[in-house]
Amino acid sequence: MSKAVDISPILEFLACPTPRAWVDWALQNQDILLIDHANCEKKAASTALNLMYRYVEHHELLNKLSRLAREELRHFEQVIAIMNQRGVDYPQLGAARYAGSLRKEVRTQEPARLVDTLLIGAIIEARSCERFAALAPELDDELQRFYLSLLKSESRHFRDYLKLAEEASSAGEVESRLSVLLERERELVESPDTEFRFHSGVPSG
């Protein structure tokens, strides 16, 4: 099993923990959990690559996000290998409202657009890490080992995005924007959803 990772900085960073109702929902929908987890890894790699194409003048961003994209694609390969082993099909799933709703908060002018995009990347990575930790103790041995193994890299991704945002802005602006974005993220995590996804809210009804 992977060495324990201290996620207390992530718990302090996020505005709320994952509600127990979501954990119970995930345990009842483990096939969808794996399918949407695979989708999340692909989307994370795509986000990193899009930033690399758009902001070629930022050398540190290119280096960090190149590594992040490789790791996300490796995680995708690991998820689909587990799905294949378990006979889980890979259908198309509609996207959760989570990431799209967060990205609606992104300002349009530069460098504010870059700062907000990086901060949202940090929030999504932090939430993913927090959910891996919340789920792991209640999953079977294979999935538990896998999710715990992801904590180290996911927690580093969170810190990388946050550091890049600070380098592209100022501590004051980052703090100001984080308060807005984290509050919006809290609303999405705690409010009802009709369909289960890795980043969905709690079940409605």
N, C-alpha and C. Protein backbone atom coordinates (compact mmCIF):
# COMPACT_ATOMS: atom_id res chain seq x y z
N MET A 1 0.84 -1.19 0.00
CA MET A 1 0.00 0.00 0.00
C MET A 1 0.88 1.25 0.00
N SER A 2 0.42 2.31 -0.65
CA SER A 2 1.20 3.53 -0.73
C SER A 2 1.41 4.13 0.65
N LYS A 3 2.53 4.81 0.79
CA LYS A 3 2.80 5.54 2.01
C LYS A 3 1.70 6.56 2.24
N ALA A 4 1.28 6.71 3.49
CA ALA A 4 0.20 7.63 3.81
C ALA A 4 0.55 9.05 3.39
N VAL A 5 -0.41 9.73 2.83
CA VAL A 5 -0.23 11.11 2.40
C VAL A 5 -1.05 12.00 3.32
N ASP A 6 -0.44 13.04 3.80
CA ASP A 6 -1.13 13.99 4.67
C ASP A 6 -1.98 14.91 3.81
N ILE A 7 -3.30 14.75 3.88
CA ILE A 7 -4.18 15.60 3.08
C ILE A 7 -4.76 16.74 3.91
N SER A 8 -4.24 16.95 5.12
CA SER A 8 -4.78 18.04 5.94
C SER A 8 -4.68 19.41 5.25
N PRO A 9 -3.60 19.70 4.48
CA PRO A 9 -3.60 20.99 3.77
C PRO A 9 -4.75 21.12 2.77
N ILE A 10 -5.14 20.01 2.17
CA ILE A 10 -6.26 20.03 1.22
C ILE A 10 -7.58 20.22 1.96
N LEU A 11 -7.73 19.55 3.09
CA LEU A 11 -8.96 19.72 3.88
C LEU A 11 -9.09 21.15 4.39
N GLU A 12 -7.96 21.76 4.71
CA GLU A 12 -7.98 23.17 5.15
C GLU A 12 -8.25 24.11 3.98
N PHE A 13 -7.81 23.73 2.79
CA PHE A 13 -7.98 24.55 1.60
C PHE A 13 -9.43 24.59 1.13
N LEU A 14 -10.06 23.43 1.05
CA LEU A 14 -11.43 23.35 0.56
C LEU A 14 -12.41 23.96 1.57
N ALA A 15 -13.53 24.46 1.05
CA ALA A 15 -14.51 25.12 1.92
C ALA A 15 -15.40 24.16 2.67
N CYS A 16 -15.41 22.87 2.26
CA CYS A 16 -16.24 21.87 2.93
C CYS A 16 -15.72 20.49 2.60
N PRO A 17 -16.01 19.51 3.46
CA PRO A 17 -15.69 18.13 3.10
C PRO A 17 -16.77 17.56 2.19
N THR A 18 -16.46 16.44 1.55
CA THR A 18 -17.47 15.73 0.78
C THR A 18 -18.56 15.22 1.71
N PRO A 19 -19.82 15.49 1.43
CA PRO A 19 -20.89 14.98 2.30
C PRO A 19 -20.94 13.46 2.31
N ARG A 20 -21.33 12.89 3.44
CA ARG A 20 -21.45 11.44 3.55
C ARG A 20 -22.43 10.89 2.52
N ALA A 21 -23.46 11.65 2.19
CA ALA A 21 -24.45 11.18 1.22
C ALA A 21 -23.81 10.90 -0.13
N TRP A 22 -22.80 11.69 -0.52
CA TRP A 22 -22.11 11.42 -1.79
C TRP A 22 -21.32 10.13 -1.70
N VAL A 23 -20.63 9.89 -0.59
CA VAL A 23 -19.84 8.66 -0.42
C VAL A 23 -20.76 7.44 -0.54
N ASP A 24 -21.89 7.47 0.12
CA ASP A 24 -22.85 6.36 0.03
C ASP A 24 -23.33 6.17 -1.40
N TRP A 25 -23.58 7.28 -2.10
CA TRP A 25 -24.02 7.22 -3.50
C TRP A 25 -22.94 6.59 -4.36
N ALA A 26 -21.69 6.96 -4.12
CA ALA A 26 -20.57 6.41 -4.89
C ALA A 26 -20.45 4.91 -4.68
N LEU A 27 -20.62 4.45 -3.45
CA LEU A 27 -20.50 3.02 -3.16
C LEU A 27 -21.60 2.22 -3.85
N GLN A 28 -22.73 2.87 -4.11
CA GLN A 28 -23.84 2.21 -4.81
C GLN A 28 -23.68 2.27 -6.34
N ASN A 29 -22.72 3.04 -6.82
CA ASN A 29 -22.55 3.26 -8.26
C ASN A 29 -21.07 3.14 -8.65
N GLN A 30 -20.46 2.02 -8.28
CA GLN A 30 -19.02 1.92 -8.48
C GLN A 30 -18.62 1.81 -9.94
N ASP A 31 -19.46 1.24 -10.81
CA ASP A 31 -19.13 1.21 -12.22
C ASP A 31 -19.09 2.64 -12.79
N ILE A 32 -20.11 3.44 -12.46
CA ILE A 32 -20.14 4.83 -12.94
C ILE A 32 -18.99 5.61 -12.33
N LEU A 33 -18.66 5.31 -11.08
CA LEU A 33 -17.51 5.96 -10.44
C LEU A 33 -16.25 5.76 -11.28
N LEU A 34 -16.00 4.52 -11.71
CA LEU A 34 -14.81 4.23 -12.51
C LEU A 34 -14.89 4.90 -13.89
N ILE A 35 -16.04 4.83 -14.52
CA ILE A 35 -16.20 5.42 -15.85
C ILE A 35 -15.96 6.93 -15.80
N ASP A 36 -16.59 7.58 -14.83
CA ASP A 36 -16.43 9.04 -14.77
C ASP A 36 -15.06 9.43 -14.26
N HIS A 37 -14.45 8.59 -13.43
CA HIS A 37 -13.07 8.83 -13.02
C HIS A 37 -12.16 8.82 -14.24
N ALA A 38 -12.35 7.84 -15.13
CA ALA A 38 -11.56 7.81 -16.37
C ALA A 38 -11.77 9.10 -17.16
N ASN A 39 -13.01 9.53 -17.27
CA ASN A 39 -13.29 10.78 -17.99
C ASN A 39 -12.58 11.97 -17.33
N CYS A 40 -12.58 12.01 -16.01
CA CYS A 40 -11.93 13.11 -15.31
C CYS A 40 -10.43 13.15 -15.59
N GLU A 41 -9.80 11.98 -15.66
CA GLU A 41 -8.37 11.94 -15.95
C GLU A 41 -8.09 12.47 -17.35
N LYS A 42 -8.93 12.09 -18.31
CA LYS A 42 -8.77 12.61 -19.68
C LYS A 42 -8.96 14.12 -19.72
N LYS A 43 -9.98 14.60 -19.02
CA LYS A 43 -10.26 16.04 -19.02
C LYS A 43 -9.13 16.81 -18.35
N ALA A 44 -8.55 16.24 -17.29
CA ALA A 44 -7.45 16.91 -16.60
C ALA A 44 -6.24 17.03 -17.52
N ALA A 45 -5.94 15.96 -18.25
CA ALA A 45 -4.83 16.01 -19.21
C ALA A 45 -5.12 17.03 -20.31
N SER A 46 -6.36 17.06 -20.78
CA SER A 46 -6.73 18.00 -21.84
C SER A 46 -6.62 19.44 -21.37
N THR A 47 -7.03 19.71 -20.13
CA THR A 47 -6.92 21.07 -19.58
C THR A 47 -5.46 21.51 -19.53
N ALA A 48 -4.60 20.62 -19.06
CA ALA A 48 -3.17 20.95 -18.98
C ALA A 48 -2.60 21.23 -20.37
N LEU A 49 -2.96 20.41 -21.34
CA LEU A 49 -2.45 20.61 -22.70
C LEU A 49 -2.98 21.91 -23.31
N ASN A 50 -4.24 22.22 -23.07
CA ASN A 50 -4.80 23.47 -23.60
C ASN A 50 -4.08 24.68 -23.03
N LEU A 51 -3.76 24.64 -21.75
CA LEU A 51 -3.01 25.74 -21.13
C LEU A 51 -1.61 25.84 -21.72
N MET A 52 -1.00 24.71 -22.00
CA MET A 52 0.34 24.71 -22.61
C MET A 52 0.33 25.33 -24.00
N TYR A 53 -0.73 25.08 -24.75
CA TYR A 53 -0.85 25.68 -26.09
C TYR A 53 -1.10 27.19 -26.01
N ARG A 54 -1.89 27.59 -25.01
CA ARG A 54 -2.33 28.99 -24.96
C ARG A 54 -1.27 29.90 -24.35
N TYR A 55 -0.50 29.39 -23.39
CA TYR A 55 0.41 30.26 -22.64
C TYR A 55 1.86 29.80 -22.81
N VAL A 56 2.34 29.84 -24.04
CA VAL A 56 3.67 29.31 -24.36
C VAL A 56 4.79 30.17 -23.78
N GLU A 57 4.48 31.39 -23.36
CA GLU A 57 5.52 32.27 -22.82
C GLU A 57 5.83 31.97 -21.35
N HIS A 58 5.04 31.11 -20.71
CA HIS A 58 5.24 30.79 -19.29
C HIS A 58 6.03 29.48 -19.17
N HIS A 59 7.34 29.61 -19.00
CA HIS A 59 8.21 28.43 -19.02
C HIS A 59 7.89 27.47 -17.87
N GLU A 60 7.68 27.98 -16.67
CA GLU A 60 7.39 27.11 -15.53
C GLU A 60 6.06 26.39 -15.71
N LEU A 61 5.09 27.09 -16.26
CA LEU A 61 3.79 26.48 -16.54
C LEU A 61 3.95 25.32 -17.52
N LEU A 62 4.73 25.53 -18.58
CA LEU A 62 4.92 24.47 -19.58
C LEU A 62 5.54 23.23 -18.94
N ASN A 63 6.54 23.43 -18.11
CA ASN A 63 7.21 22.29 -17.49
C ASN A 63 6.29 21.53 -16.54
N LYS A 64 5.61 22.26 -15.66
CA LYS A 64 4.78 21.60 -14.66
C LYS A 64 3.57 20.92 -15.29
N LEU A 65 2.95 21.59 -16.25
CA LEU A 65 1.74 21.01 -16.84
C LEU A 65 2.05 19.89 -17.82
N SER A 66 3.24 19.89 -18.40
CA SER A 66 3.65 18.76 -19.23
C SER A 66 3.73 17.49 -18.39
N ARG A 67 4.34 17.60 -17.23
CA ARG A 67 4.42 16.45 -16.33
C ARG A 67 3.04 16.05 -15.83
N LEU A 68 2.23 17.04 -15.49
CA LEU A 68 0.89 16.76 -15.00
C LEU A 68 0.07 16.02 -16.05
N ALA A 69 0.14 16.46 -17.31
CA ALA A 69 -0.63 15.80 -18.37
C ALA A 69 -0.21 14.35 -18.53
N ARG A 70 1.10 14.09 -18.47
CA ARG A 70 1.57 12.70 -18.57
C ARG A 70 1.03 11.85 -17.43
N GLU A 71 1.04 12.40 -16.23
CA GLU A 71 0.55 11.64 -15.08
C GLU A 71 -0.95 11.38 -15.18
N GLU A 72 -1.70 12.37 -15.64
CA GLU A 72 -3.15 12.19 -15.77
C GLU A 72 -3.46 11.11 -16.81
N LEU A 73 -2.72 11.09 -17.91
CA LEU A 73 -2.96 10.05 -18.91
C LEU A 73 -2.56 8.68 -18.39
N ARG A 74 -1.52 8.61 -17.59
CA ARG A 74 -1.15 7.34 -16.97
C ARG A 74 -2.25 6.88 -16.03
N HIS A 75 -2.82 7.79 -15.27
CA HIS A 75 -3.93 7.42 -14.39
C HIS A 75 -5.13 6.93 -15.20
N PHE A 76 -5.39 7.59 -16.33
CA PHE A 76 -6.47 7.14 -17.21
C PHE A 76 -6.24 5.70 -17.65
N GLU A 77 -5.00 5.39 -18.05
CA GLU A 77 -4.68 4.02 -18.47
C GLU A 77 -4.92 3.04 -17.33
N GLN A 78 -4.59 3.44 -16.12
CA GLN A 78 -4.78 2.56 -14.96
C GLN A 78 -6.26 2.34 -14.68
N VAL A 79 -7.06 3.38 -14.81
CA VAL A 79 -8.51 3.23 -14.56
C VAL A 79 -9.13 2.31 -15.59
N ILE A 80 -8.81 2.50 -16.87
CA ILE A 80 -9.46 1.66 -17.89
C ILE A 80 -8.96 0.21 -17.80
N ALA A 81 -7.74 0.01 -17.29
CA ALA A 81 -7.27 -1.36 -17.08
C ALA A 81 -8.10 -2.04 -15.99
N ILE A 82 -8.40 -1.31 -14.92
CA ILE A 82 -9.25 -1.85 -13.85
C ILE A 82 -10.66 -2.12 -14.39
N MET A 83 -11.18 -1.20 -15.19
CA MET A 83 -12.50 -1.41 -15.78
C MET A 83 -12.52 -2.65 -16.65
N ASN A 84 -11.50 -2.83 -17.48
CA ASN A 84 -11.43 -3.99 -18.36
C ASN A 84 -11.36 -5.28 -17.55
N GLN A 85 -10.57 -5.27 -16.51
CA GLN A 85 -10.43 -6.45 -15.65
C GLN A 85 -11.76 -6.82 -15.00
N ARG A 86 -12.57 -5.80 -14.69
CA ARG A 86 -13.84 -6.03 -13.99
C ARG A 86 -15.02 -6.14 -14.95
N GLY A 87 -14.76 -6.08 -16.25
CA GLY A 87 -15.84 -6.19 -17.22
C GLY A 87 -16.77 -4.99 -17.25
N VAL A 88 -16.24 -3.82 -16.91
CA VAL A 88 -17.04 -2.59 -16.92
C VAL A 88 -16.94 -1.95 -18.29
N ASP A 89 -18.06 -1.81 -18.99
CA ASP A 89 -18.08 -1.14 -20.28
C ASP A 89 -17.75 0.33 -20.11
N TYR A 90 -17.39 0.97 -21.24
CA TYR A 90 -17.01 2.39 -21.20
C TYR A 90 -17.94 3.18 -22.12
N PRO A 91 -19.19 3.41 -21.68
CA PRO A 91 -20.13 4.21 -22.49
C PRO A 91 -19.85 5.70 -22.34
N GLN A 92 -20.44 6.48 -23.23
CA GLN A 92 -20.36 7.93 -23.09
C GLN A 92 -21.28 8.36 -21.95
N LEU A 93 -20.76 9.20 -21.08
CA LEU A 93 -21.57 9.77 -19.99
C LEU A 93 -21.65 11.28 -20.18
N GLY A 94 -22.80 11.84 -19.86
CA GLY A 94 -22.92 13.29 -19.86
C GLY A 94 -22.04 13.88 -18.78
N ALA A 95 -21.54 15.07 -19.02
CA ALA A 95 -20.65 15.73 -18.06
C ALA A 95 -21.43 16.16 -16.83
N ALA A 96 -20.75 16.15 -15.70
CA ALA A 96 -21.33 16.71 -14.48
C ALA A 96 -21.39 18.23 -14.61
N ARG A 97 -22.25 18.86 -13.82
CA ARG A 97 -22.35 20.32 -13.86
C ARG A 97 -21.17 20.98 -13.16
N TYR A 98 -20.42 20.21 -12.39
CA TYR A 98 -19.38 20.72 -11.50
C TYR A 98 -18.35 21.57 -12.24
N ALA A 99 -17.57 20.95 -13.12
CA ALA A 99 -16.48 21.68 -13.77
C ALA A 99 -17.00 22.81 -14.64
N GLY A 100 -18.10 22.55 -15.38
CA GLY A 100 -18.65 23.59 -16.23
C GLY A 100 -19.14 24.78 -15.44
N SER A 101 -19.75 24.52 -14.29
CA SER A 101 -20.23 25.62 -13.45
C SER A 101 -19.08 26.42 -12.88
N LEU A 102 -18.00 25.75 -12.49
CA LEU A 102 -16.84 26.47 -12.00
C LEU A 102 -16.23 27.33 -13.10
N ARG A 103 -16.15 26.79 -14.31
CA ARG A 103 -15.50 27.53 -15.39
C ARG A 103 -16.32 28.73 -15.85
N LYS A 104 -17.60 28.76 -15.53
CA LYS A 104 -18.40 29.96 -15.82
C LYS A 104 -17.95 31.15 -14.99
N GLU A 105 -17.21 30.88 -13.92
CA GLU A 105 -16.71 31.95 -13.05
C GLU A 105 -15.43 32.59 -13.57
N VAL A 106 -14.84 32.00 -14.62
CA VAL A 106 -13.55 32.50 -15.13
C VAL A 106 -13.74 33.86 -15.79
N ARG A 107 -12.91 34.81 -15.40
CA ARG A 107 -12.94 36.13 -16.03
C ARG A 107 -12.36 36.05 -17.44
N THR A 108 -12.74 36.97 -18.29
CA THR A 108 -12.39 36.85 -19.71
C THR A 108 -11.10 37.56 -20.10
N GLN A 109 -10.71 38.58 -19.35
CA GLN A 109 -9.49 39.32 -19.72
C GLN A 109 -8.27 38.64 -19.13
N GLU A 110 -7.11 38.86 -19.78
CA GLU A 110 -5.84 38.34 -19.26
C GLU A 110 -5.15 39.41 -18.41
N PRO A 111 -4.37 39.03 -17.41
CA PRO A 111 -4.06 37.66 -16.99
C PRO A 111 -5.08 37.04 -16.05
N ALA A 112 -6.21 37.74 -15.83
CA ALA A 112 -7.21 37.21 -14.89
C ALA A 112 -7.74 35.86 -15.36
N ARG A 113 -7.88 35.70 -16.67
CA ARG A 113 -8.37 34.42 -17.20
C ARG A 113 -7.44 33.28 -16.82
N LEU A 114 -6.14 33.49 -16.98
CA LEU A 114 -5.17 32.46 -16.62
C LEU A 114 -5.22 32.17 -15.13
N VAL A 115 -5.26 33.22 -14.32
CA VAL A 115 -5.27 33.04 -12.86
C VAL A 115 -6.48 32.21 -12.43
N ASP A 116 -7.66 32.58 -12.92
CA ASP A 116 -8.87 31.85 -12.54
C ASP A 116 -8.83 30.40 -13.01
N THR A 117 -8.33 30.17 -14.22
CA THR A 117 -8.26 28.81 -14.75
C THR A 117 -7.33 27.95 -13.90
N LEU A 118 -6.21 28.52 -13.49
CA LEU A 118 -5.27 27.79 -12.64
C LEU A 118 -5.86 27.52 -11.26
N LEU A 119 -6.56 28.49 -10.70
CA LEU A 119 -7.17 28.30 -9.39
C LEU A 119 -8.26 27.24 -9.44
N ILE A 120 -9.04 27.23 -10.50
CA ILE A 120 -10.05 26.19 -10.65
C ILE A 120 -9.39 24.83 -10.82
N GLY A 121 -8.26 24.78 -11.54
CA GLY A 121 -7.51 23.53 -11.63
C GLY A 121 -7.08 23.04 -10.26
N ALA A 122 -6.61 23.96 -9.42
CA ALA A 122 -6.20 23.59 -8.06
C ALA A 122 -7.38 23.06 -7.26
N ILE A 123 -8.53 23.71 -7.39
CA ILE A 123 -9.72 23.29 -6.64
C ILE A 123 -10.17 21.90 -7.07
N ILE A 124 -10.21 21.65 -8.39
CA ILE A 124 -10.66 20.34 -8.89
C ILE A 124 -9.69 19.25 -8.44
N GLU A 125 -8.39 19.51 -8.53
CA GLU A 125 -7.41 18.51 -8.09
C GLU A 125 -7.54 18.26 -6.58
N ALA A 126 -7.74 19.31 -5.81
CA ALA A 126 -7.89 19.15 -4.37
C ALA A 126 -9.13 18.34 -4.04
N ARG A 127 -10.23 18.62 -4.70
CA ARG A 127 -11.46 17.86 -4.45
C ARG A 127 -11.30 16.40 -4.84
N SER A 128 -10.63 16.16 -5.97
CA SER A 128 -10.40 14.77 -6.38
C SER A 128 -9.62 14.03 -5.31
N CYS A 129 -8.57 14.66 -4.81
CA CYS A 129 -7.73 14.06 -3.78
C CYS A 129 -8.55 13.79 -2.52
N GLU A 130 -9.36 14.74 -2.12
CA GLU A 130 -10.18 14.59 -0.92
C GLU A 130 -11.17 13.45 -1.09
N ARG A 131 -11.70 13.27 -2.29
CA ARG A 131 -12.66 12.19 -2.52
C ARG A 131 -11.97 10.83 -2.59
N PHE A 132 -10.77 10.77 -3.15
CA PHE A 132 -10.01 9.52 -3.10
C PHE A 132 -9.84 9.08 -1.64
N ALA A 133 -9.46 10.02 -0.80
CA ALA A 133 -9.22 9.71 0.62
C ALA A 133 -10.52 9.31 1.32
N ALA A 134 -11.62 9.96 0.97
CA ALA A 134 -12.91 9.63 1.61
C ALA A 134 -13.41 8.26 1.19
N LEU A 135 -13.16 7.89 -0.06
CA LEU A 135 -13.66 6.61 -0.58
C LEU A 135 -12.80 5.42 -0.20
N ALA A 136 -11.49 5.62 -0.19
CA ALA A 136 -10.56 4.49 -0.10
C ALA A 136 -10.86 3.52 1.03
N PRO A 137 -11.13 3.98 2.25
CA PRO A 137 -11.34 3.02 3.34
C PRO A 137 -12.55 2.11 3.15
N GLU A 138 -13.45 2.46 2.24
CA GLU A 138 -14.69 1.70 2.09
C GLU A 138 -14.75 0.90 0.79
N LEU A 139 -13.67 0.88 0.04
CA LEU A 139 -13.62 0.15 -1.22
C LEU A 139 -12.91 -1.19 -1.03
N ASP A 140 -13.03 -2.07 -2.02
CA ASP A 140 -12.32 -3.34 -1.96
C ASP A 140 -10.81 -3.09 -2.02
N ASP A 141 -10.04 -4.11 -1.70
CA ASP A 141 -8.59 -3.94 -1.54
C ASP A 141 -7.93 -3.35 -2.77
N GLU A 142 -8.32 -3.80 -3.96
CA GLU A 142 -7.68 -3.32 -5.19
C GLU A 142 -7.93 -1.84 -5.40
N LEU A 143 -9.20 -1.44 -5.30
CA LEU A 143 -9.53 -0.04 -5.51
C LEU A 143 -8.98 0.83 -4.39
N GLN A 144 -8.95 0.29 -3.18
CA GLN A 144 -8.38 1.05 -2.07
C GLN A 144 -6.91 1.34 -2.33
N ARG A 145 -6.15 0.34 -2.73
CA ARG A 145 -4.73 0.55 -3.02
C ARG A 145 -4.56 1.56 -4.15
N PHE A 146 -5.39 1.43 -5.19
CA PHE A 146 -5.27 2.33 -6.33
C PHE A 146 -5.57 3.77 -5.94
N TYR A 147 -6.66 3.99 -5.22
CA TYR A 147 -7.03 5.36 -4.87
C TYR A 147 -6.03 5.98 -3.91
N LEU A 148 -5.51 5.18 -2.99
CA LEU A 148 -4.48 5.71 -2.10
C LEU A 148 -3.21 6.04 -2.87
N SER A 149 -2.92 5.25 -3.92
CA SER A 149 -1.71 5.52 -4.71
C SER A 149 -1.83 6.82 -5.49
N LEU A 150 -3.06 7.26 -5.77
CA LEU A 150 -3.25 8.50 -6.52
C LEU A 150 -3.10 9.75 -5.65
N LEU A 151 -3.18 9.59 -4.35
CA LEU A 151 -3.18 10.76 -3.47
C LEU A 151 -1.90 11.57 -3.60
N LYS A 152 -0.76 10.91 -3.73
CA LYS A 152 0.51 11.63 -3.76
C LYS A 152 0.59 12.56 -4.96
N SER A 153 0.30 12.03 -6.15
CA SER A 153 0.39 12.88 -7.35
C SER A 153 -0.72 13.91 -7.40
N GLU A 154 -1.93 13.53 -6.99
CA GLU A 154 -3.04 14.48 -7.04
C GLU A 154 -2.79 15.65 -6.08
N SER A 155 -2.23 15.35 -4.92
CA SER A 155 -1.96 16.44 -3.98
C SER A 155 -0.86 17.35 -4.52
N ARG A 156 0.09 16.79 -5.27
CA ARG A 156 1.12 17.62 -5.90
C ARG A 156 0.51 18.48 -7.01
N HIS A 157 -0.43 17.93 -7.77
CA HIS A 157 -1.08 18.71 -8.83
C HIS A 157 -1.79 19.92 -8.24
N PHE A 158 -2.46 19.72 -7.13
CA PHE A 158 -3.14 20.83 -6.45
C PHE A 158 -2.14 21.93 -6.12
N ARG A 159 -1.01 21.55 -5.54
CA ARG A 159 -0.01 22.55 -5.16
C ARG A 159 0.61 23.22 -6.39
N ASP A 160 0.82 22.44 -7.47
CA ASP A 160 1.40 23.01 -8.69
C ASP A 160 0.49 24.08 -9.29
N TYR A 161 -0.80 23.77 -9.38
CA TYR A 161 -1.74 24.75 -9.93
C TYR A 161 -1.79 26.01 -9.06
N LEU A 162 -1.80 25.81 -7.77
CA LEU A 162 -1.87 26.96 -6.86
C LEU A 162 -0.62 27.82 -6.97
N LYS A 163 0.54 27.20 -7.04
CA LYS A 163 1.79 27.95 -7.16
C LYS A 163 1.85 28.70 -8.48
N LEU A 164 1.41 28.07 -9.57
CA LEU A 164 1.40 28.75 -10.86
C LEU A 164 0.47 29.96 -10.84
N ALA A 165 -0.68 29.84 -10.17
CA ALA A 165 -1.60 30.98 -10.06
C ALA A 165 -0.95 32.11 -9.29
N GLU A 166 -0.24 31.79 -8.23
CA GLU A 166 0.43 32.82 -7.43
C GLU A 166 1.53 33.50 -8.25
N GLU A 167 2.24 32.74 -9.08
CA GLU A 167 3.30 33.31 -9.91
C GLU A 167 2.73 34.20 -11.01
N ALA A 168 1.52 33.91 -11.47
CA ALA A 168 0.90 34.69 -12.55
C ALA A 168 0.14 35.90 -12.02
N SER A 169 0.08 36.03 -10.70
CA SER A 169 -0.75 37.07 -10.10
C SER A 169 -0.05 37.64 -8.87
N SER A 170 -0.81 37.78 -7.81
CA SER A 170 -0.29 38.25 -6.53
C SER A 170 -1.02 37.50 -5.43
N ALA A 171 -0.41 37.45 -4.26
CA ALA A 171 -1.04 36.74 -3.14
C ALA A 171 -2.41 37.33 -2.82
N GLY A 172 -2.53 38.65 -2.91
CA GLY A 172 -3.80 39.29 -2.61
C GLY A 172 -4.89 38.91 -3.58
N GLU A 173 -4.56 38.90 -4.88
CA GLU A 173 -5.57 38.54 -5.88
C GLU A 173 -5.95 37.08 -5.75
N VAL A 174 -4.96 36.21 -5.53
CA VAL A 174 -5.26 34.79 -5.37
C VAL A 174 -6.19 34.57 -4.19
N GLU A 175 -5.92 35.21 -3.07
CA GLU A 175 -6.78 35.05 -1.90
C GLU A 175 -8.19 35.54 -2.18
N SER A 176 -8.29 36.68 -2.88
CA SER A 176 -9.60 37.24 -3.19
C SER A 176 -10.40 36.33 -4.11
N ARG A 177 -9.75 35.84 -5.16
CA ARG A 177 -10.46 34.99 -6.12
C ARG A 177 -10.78 33.62 -5.52
N LEU A 178 -9.87 33.10 -4.72
CA LEU A 178 -10.12 31.79 -4.11
C LEU A 178 -11.37 31.82 -3.24
N SER A 179 -11.59 32.89 -2.51
CA SER A 179 -12.76 32.96 -1.65
C SER A 179 -14.04 32.85 -2.47
N VAL A 180 -14.06 33.45 -3.66
CA VAL A 180 -15.23 33.38 -4.55
C VAL A 180 -15.38 31.98 -5.13
N LEU A 181 -14.28 31.45 -5.66
CA LEU A 181 -14.34 30.16 -6.35
C LEU A 181 -14.59 29.00 -5.39
N LEU A 182 -14.00 29.06 -4.21
CA LEU A 182 -14.22 27.99 -3.24
C LEU A 182 -15.64 28.00 -2.70
N GLU A 183 -16.23 29.17 -2.57
CA GLU A 183 -17.63 29.23 -2.13
C GLU A 183 -18.55 28.64 -3.20
N ARG A 184 -18.25 28.94 -4.46
CA ARG A 184 -19.05 28.35 -5.55
C ARG A 184 -18.87 26.84 -5.57
N GLU A 185 -17.65 26.37 -5.35
CA GLU A 185 -17.40 24.92 -5.32
C GLU A 185 -18.16 24.27 -4.18
N ARG A 186 -18.19 24.91 -3.03
CA ARG A 186 -18.94 24.37 -1.89
C ARG A 186 -20.41 24.21 -2.24
N GLU A 187 -20.98 25.21 -2.91
CA GLU A 187 -22.38 25.13 -3.30
C GLU A 187 -22.63 23.93 -4.21
N LEU A 188 -21.72 23.68 -5.14
CA LEU A 188 -21.88 22.57 -6.07
C LEU A 188 -21.76 21.23 -5.37
N VAL A 189 -20.86 21.13 -4.40
CA VAL A 189 -20.63 19.88 -3.68
C VAL A 189 -21.78 19.55 -2.74
N GLU A 190 -22.39 20.56 -2.15
CA GLU A 190 -23.41 20.33 -1.14
C GLU A 190 -24.83 20.34 -1.70
N SER A 191 -25.03 20.77 -2.94
CA SER A 191 -26.37 20.85 -3.50
C SER A 191 -26.75 19.56 -4.22
N PRO A 192 -28.06 19.34 -4.46
CA PRO A 192 -28.51 18.07 -5.04
C PRO A 192 -28.18 17.93 -6.52
N ASP A 193 -27.94 16.69 -6.92
CA ASP A 193 -27.76 16.31 -8.32
C ASP A 193 -28.67 15.13 -8.61
N THR A 194 -29.14 15.04 -9.84
CA THR A 194 -30.00 13.92 -10.21
C THR A 194 -29.21 12.73 -10.73
N GLU A 195 -27.96 12.95 -11.19
CA GLU A 195 -27.13 11.87 -11.72
C GLU A 195 -25.81 11.81 -10.96
N PHE A 196 -25.37 10.60 -10.63
CA PHE A 196 -24.11 10.44 -9.93
C PHE A 196 -22.93 10.65 -10.88
N ARG A 197 -21.97 11.42 -10.41
CA ARG A 197 -20.69 11.59 -11.10
C ARG A 197 -19.60 11.72 -10.03
N PHE A 198 -18.33 11.62 -10.46
CA PHE A 198 -17.22 11.70 -9.51
C PHE A 198 -17.24 13.03 -8.78
N HIS A 199 -17.64 14.10 -9.46
CA HIS A 199 -17.67 15.41 -8.82
C HIS A 199 -19.09 15.93 -8.62
N SER A 200 -20.06 15.03 -8.56
CA SER A 200 -21.44 15.50 -8.38
C SER A 200 -21.67 15.95 -6.94
N GLY A 201 -22.83 16.58 -6.77
CA GLY A 201 -23.26 16.93 -5.42
C GLY A 201 -23.90 15.74 -4.76
N VAL A 202 -24.83 16.01 -3.86
CA VAL A 202 -25.51 14.92 -3.14
C VAL A 202 -26.73 14.46 -3.93
N PRO A 203 -27.19 13.23 -3.69
CA PRO A 203 -28.37 12.77 -4.44
C PRO A 203 -29.61 13.57 -4.09
N SER A 204 -30.39 13.87 -5.10
CA SER A 204 -31.64 14.60 -4.86
C SER A 204 -32.73 13.63 -4.46
N GLY A 205 -33.66 14.09 -3.67
CA GLY A 205 -34.78 13.27 -3.27
C GLY A 205 -34.47 12.25 -2.20
